N, C-alpha and C. Protein backbone atom coordinates (compact mmCIF):
# COMPACT_ATOMS: atom_id res chain seq x y z
N MET A 1 -32.01 -35.18 -158.15
CA MET A 1 -31.29 -36.30 -158.43
C MET A 1 -30.05 -36.48 -157.55
N VAL A 2 -29.75 -37.31 -156.97
CA VAL A 2 -28.00 -38.10 -156.44
C VAL A 2 -26.98 -37.91 -157.65
N ASP A 3 -26.26 -37.20 -157.41
CA ASP A 3 -25.29 -38.00 -158.98
C ASP A 3 -24.40 -38.99 -158.49
N GLY A 4 -23.84 -39.43 -157.54
CA GLY A 4 -23.19 -40.41 -157.51
C GLY A 4 -21.91 -40.34 -157.36
N GLY A 5 -21.38 -38.92 -157.34
CA GLY A 5 -20.07 -38.82 -157.47
C GLY A 5 -19.12 -38.83 -156.80
N SER A 6 -19.58 -39.51 -155.49
CA SER A 6 -18.59 -40.39 -154.41
C SER A 6 -19.13 -41.78 -153.78
N LYS A 7 -18.41 -42.42 -152.63
CA LYS A 7 -18.89 -43.22 -151.97
C LYS A 7 -19.76 -43.01 -150.82
N GLU A 8 -19.74 -42.03 -150.71
CA GLU A 8 -20.85 -40.96 -149.57
C GLU A 8 -22.00 -40.94 -150.07
N ASP A 9 -22.05 -40.88 -151.60
CA ASP A 9 -23.38 -39.89 -152.14
C ASP A 9 -23.65 -41.13 -153.19
N ALA A 10 -23.02 -42.56 -152.90
CA ALA A 10 -23.31 -43.52 -154.09
C ALA A 10 -24.73 -43.50 -154.41
N ILE A 11 -25.18 -44.21 -155.49
CA ILE A 11 -26.77 -44.45 -155.78
C ILE A 11 -27.05 -45.86 -155.37
N LYS A 12 -28.04 -45.97 -154.29
CA LYS A 12 -28.54 -47.16 -154.24
C LYS A 12 -29.56 -48.18 -155.36
N ILE A 13 -29.36 -48.76 -155.77
CA ILE A 13 -30.25 -49.18 -156.78
C ILE A 13 -30.71 -50.54 -156.40
N ASP A 14 -32.35 -50.83 -156.59
CA ASP A 14 -33.02 -51.75 -155.97
C ASP A 14 -33.30 -52.82 -156.88
N VAL A 15 -32.60 -53.73 -156.99
CA VAL A 15 -32.82 -54.59 -157.82
C VAL A 15 -32.52 -56.22 -156.86
N SER A 16 -32.96 -57.44 -157.75
CA SER A 16 -32.56 -58.66 -157.32
C SER A 16 -31.06 -58.93 -157.82
N ASN A 17 -30.48 -58.83 -158.61
CA ASN A 17 -29.39 -59.72 -159.14
C ASN A 17 -28.55 -58.48 -160.04
N GLU A 18 -27.63 -59.16 -160.58
CA GLU A 18 -26.39 -58.16 -160.72
C GLU A 18 -26.82 -57.71 -162.44
N LEU A 19 -27.31 -58.22 -163.49
CA LEU A 19 -27.98 -58.19 -164.50
C LEU A 19 -29.06 -57.17 -164.92
N GLU A 20 -29.77 -57.00 -163.53
CA GLU A 20 -30.76 -55.86 -163.41
C GLU A 20 -30.24 -54.80 -162.60
N GLY A 21 -29.45 -54.89 -162.19
CA GLY A 21 -28.46 -53.91 -161.73
C GLY A 21 -27.60 -53.06 -162.59
N SER A 22 -27.13 -53.88 -163.37
CA SER A 22 -26.48 -52.93 -164.67
C SER A 22 -27.02 -52.57 -165.86
N GLN A 23 -28.43 -52.96 -165.59
CA GLN A 23 -29.52 -52.29 -166.51
C GLN A 23 -29.80 -51.05 -165.88
N ALA A 24 -29.94 -51.07 -164.71
CA ALA A 24 -30.73 -50.08 -163.78
C ALA A 24 -29.43 -48.70 -163.78
N GLU A 25 -28.23 -49.34 -163.82
CA GLU A 25 -27.32 -47.88 -163.45
C GLU A 25 -27.32 -47.52 -165.45
N ASP A 26 -27.12 -48.20 -166.46
CA ASP A 26 -26.82 -47.33 -167.57
C ASP A 26 -28.57 -46.73 -167.44
N SER A 27 -29.37 -46.81 -167.18
CA SER A 27 -30.52 -46.30 -167.21
C SER A 27 -30.85 -44.85 -166.30
N TYR A 28 -30.00 -45.05 -164.92
CA TYR A 28 -30.00 -43.98 -163.68
C TYR A 28 -28.60 -42.83 -165.01
N ILE A 29 -27.93 -43.42 -165.65
CA ILE A 29 -27.06 -42.76 -165.86
C ILE A 29 -27.72 -41.42 -167.19
N ALA A 30 -28.35 -42.48 -167.81
CA ALA A 30 -28.71 -41.28 -168.81
C ALA A 30 -30.03 -40.86 -168.32
N ARG A 31 -30.51 -40.69 -167.20
CA ARG A 31 -31.10 -39.87 -166.89
C ARG A 31 -30.33 -38.68 -166.32
N LEU A 32 -29.29 -38.82 -166.27
CA LEU A 32 -28.54 -37.38 -165.90
C LEU A 32 -27.71 -36.98 -166.48
N TYR A 33 -27.26 -37.51 -167.28
CA TYR A 33 -26.63 -37.20 -168.80
C TYR A 33 -26.76 -37.40 -170.41
N GLY A 34 -27.56 -37.89 -169.76
CA GLY A 34 -28.24 -38.30 -171.80
C GLY A 34 -28.26 -40.02 -172.33
N ARG A 35 -28.01 -39.74 -173.64
CA ARG A 35 -27.80 -41.11 -174.16
C ARG A 35 -26.50 -41.59 -174.57
N ARG A 36 -26.43 -42.40 -174.33
CA ARG A 36 -25.06 -43.22 -174.32
C ARG A 36 -24.75 -42.98 -175.50
N ASN A 37 -23.72 -43.17 -175.79
CA ASN A 37 -22.84 -42.97 -177.22
C ASN A 37 -23.21 -41.79 -177.98
N LYS A 38 -24.03 -41.06 -177.53
CA LYS A 38 -24.57 -39.66 -177.99
C LYS A 38 -24.27 -38.54 -177.05
N ASP A 39 -24.49 -38.46 -176.15
CA ASP A 39 -24.08 -37.41 -175.04
C ASP A 39 -23.28 -37.83 -174.33
N TRP A 40 -22.83 -39.21 -174.37
CA TRP A 40 -21.64 -39.59 -173.51
C TRP A 40 -21.31 -40.70 -173.87
N ARG A 41 -19.91 -41.32 -173.24
CA ARG A 41 -19.29 -42.56 -173.92
C ARG A 41 -18.97 -43.59 -172.52
N PHE A 42 -19.08 -44.86 -171.93
CA PHE A 42 -18.50 -45.74 -171.14
C PHE A 42 -16.91 -45.68 -171.46
N GLU A 43 -16.27 -45.41 -170.12
CA GLU A 43 -15.18 -45.63 -170.89
C GLU A 43 -14.42 -46.78 -169.62
N SER A 44 -14.94 -46.75 -168.28
CA SER A 44 -14.84 -48.35 -167.35
C SER A 44 -15.39 -48.64 -166.45
N GLN A 45 -15.35 -49.47 -165.64
CA GLN A 45 -15.96 -49.74 -164.61
C GLN A 45 -15.25 -50.95 -163.61
N ARG A 46 -15.04 -50.43 -162.22
CA ARG A 46 -14.63 -50.98 -161.26
C ARG A 46 -15.12 -51.38 -160.06
N GLN A 47 -14.81 -52.89 -159.89
CA GLN A 47 -15.70 -52.73 -158.40
C GLN A 47 -15.03 -52.89 -157.32
N ILE A 48 -15.61 -52.42 -156.10
CA ILE A 48 -14.84 -52.25 -154.98
C ILE A 48 -15.58 -52.74 -153.99
N GLU A 49 -14.86 -52.77 -152.73
CA GLU A 49 -15.53 -53.11 -151.57
C GLU A 49 -15.13 -52.10 -150.30
N GLU A 50 -15.80 -51.79 -149.89
CA GLU A 50 -15.30 -50.59 -148.21
C GLU A 50 -16.34 -50.81 -147.22
N ASP A 51 -15.97 -50.87 -146.20
CA ASP A 51 -16.74 -50.89 -145.53
C ASP A 51 -17.78 -51.45 -144.90
N GLY A 52 -17.43 -52.92 -145.46
CA GLY A 52 -18.50 -54.03 -145.25
C GLY A 52 -19.50 -54.04 -146.76
N LYS A 53 -19.51 -52.85 -147.44
CA LYS A 53 -20.10 -52.44 -148.67
C LYS A 53 -19.33 -53.26 -149.98
N SER A 54 -20.16 -53.00 -150.67
CA SER A 54 -19.26 -53.39 -152.32
C SER A 54 -20.23 -51.99 -153.48
N TYR A 55 -19.32 -51.71 -154.15
CA TYR A 55 -19.58 -50.54 -155.25
C TYR A 55 -19.44 -50.74 -156.57
N ASP A 56 -20.21 -50.28 -157.35
CA ASP A 56 -19.97 -50.23 -158.36
C ASP A 56 -18.96 -48.70 -158.79
N ILE A 57 -18.23 -48.13 -159.47
CA ILE A 57 -17.53 -47.06 -160.07
C ILE A 57 -17.73 -47.39 -161.59
N VAL A 58 -18.30 -46.60 -162.42
CA VAL A 58 -18.52 -46.27 -163.43
C VAL A 58 -17.78 -44.77 -163.79
N THR A 59 -16.99 -44.89 -164.79
CA THR A 59 -16.32 -43.49 -165.40
C THR A 59 -17.12 -43.81 -166.61
N ILE A 60 -17.49 -42.78 -167.15
CA ILE A 60 -18.16 -42.46 -168.45
C ILE A 60 -17.12 -40.79 -168.52
N VAL A 61 -16.99 -40.49 -170.47
CA VAL A 61 -16.73 -39.68 -170.96
C VAL A 61 -17.67 -38.50 -171.80
N LEU A 62 -17.82 -37.20 -170.95
CA LEU A 62 -18.99 -35.92 -171.71
C LEU A 62 -18.53 -35.61 -173.09
N ASN A 63 -19.06 -35.32 -173.71
CA ASN A 63 -18.96 -34.85 -175.30
C ASN A 63 -17.84 -33.78 -175.30
N ASP A 64 -18.30 -33.03 -173.95
CA ASP A 64 -17.08 -32.10 -173.84
C ASP A 64 -15.54 -32.42 -173.47
N GLY A 65 -15.56 -33.87 -173.07
CA GLY A 65 -14.08 -34.60 -172.58
C GLY A 65 -14.01 -34.63 -171.29
N THR A 66 -15.47 -34.15 -170.32
CA THR A 66 -15.13 -33.90 -169.32
C THR A 66 -15.51 -36.15 -168.80
N LYS A 67 -14.73 -36.36 -167.61
CA LYS A 67 -14.70 -37.36 -167.19
C LYS A 67 -15.21 -37.63 -166.04
N ARG A 68 -16.45 -38.05 -165.63
CA ARG A 68 -17.25 -38.42 -164.29
C ARG A 68 -17.06 -39.84 -163.63
N GLU A 69 -16.79 -40.08 -162.36
CA GLU A 69 -16.95 -41.43 -162.00
C GLU A 69 -18.27 -41.22 -161.09
N ILE A 70 -18.72 -42.23 -161.31
CA ILE A 70 -19.89 -42.55 -160.74
C ILE A 70 -20.07 -43.42 -159.61
N TYR A 71 -20.42 -43.50 -158.59
CA TYR A 71 -20.69 -44.60 -157.50
C TYR A 71 -22.04 -45.56 -157.54
N PHE A 72 -21.80 -46.61 -157.79
CA PHE A 72 -23.20 -47.10 -157.56
C PHE A 72 -23.27 -47.92 -156.02
N ASP A 73 -24.26 -48.38 -155.01
CA ASP A 73 -24.25 -49.37 -153.87
C ASP A 73 -24.75 -50.30 -154.38
N THR A 74 -24.05 -51.33 -154.57
CA THR A 74 -24.55 -52.74 -155.57
C THR A 74 -24.13 -53.64 -153.84
N SER A 75 -24.53 -53.61 -152.57
CA SER A 75 -24.51 -54.13 -151.61
C SER A 75 -25.51 -55.60 -151.46
N GLU A 76 -26.83 -55.14 -151.70
CA GLU A 76 -28.09 -55.26 -151.64
C GLU A 76 -28.19 -56.75 -152.93
N TYR A 77 -27.33 -56.39 -153.97
CA TYR A 77 -27.93 -57.69 -154.67
C TYR A 77 -26.12 -58.17 -155.44
N PHE A 78 -25.08 -57.75 -155.15
CA PHE A 78 -23.91 -58.16 -155.80
C PHE A 78 -23.61 -59.47 -155.09
N ALA A 79 -23.48 -60.48 -156.09
CA ALA A 79 -23.18 -61.86 -155.87
C ALA A 79 -24.17 -62.41 -155.37
N LYS A 80 -25.82 -62.52 -155.62
CA LYS A 80 -26.74 -62.98 -155.14
C LYS A 80 -26.83 -64.00 -156.24
């Protein structure tokens, strides 16, 4: 399973709109790190555009205090 730890390894979400994209991102993070607000907590989210692609970068904090940035490639559905 790709961890989305960089732009080059961004997780591509195959959905048709932003709401579905957000839900898919949460589900993907849960598969990697466990339950939200139990095993990890949401810290922030930002969007960037680089090289003609759109990305969501979600920052979470694990229970041990470790921060993780997870890149999602949102090019296919962002702003549709």
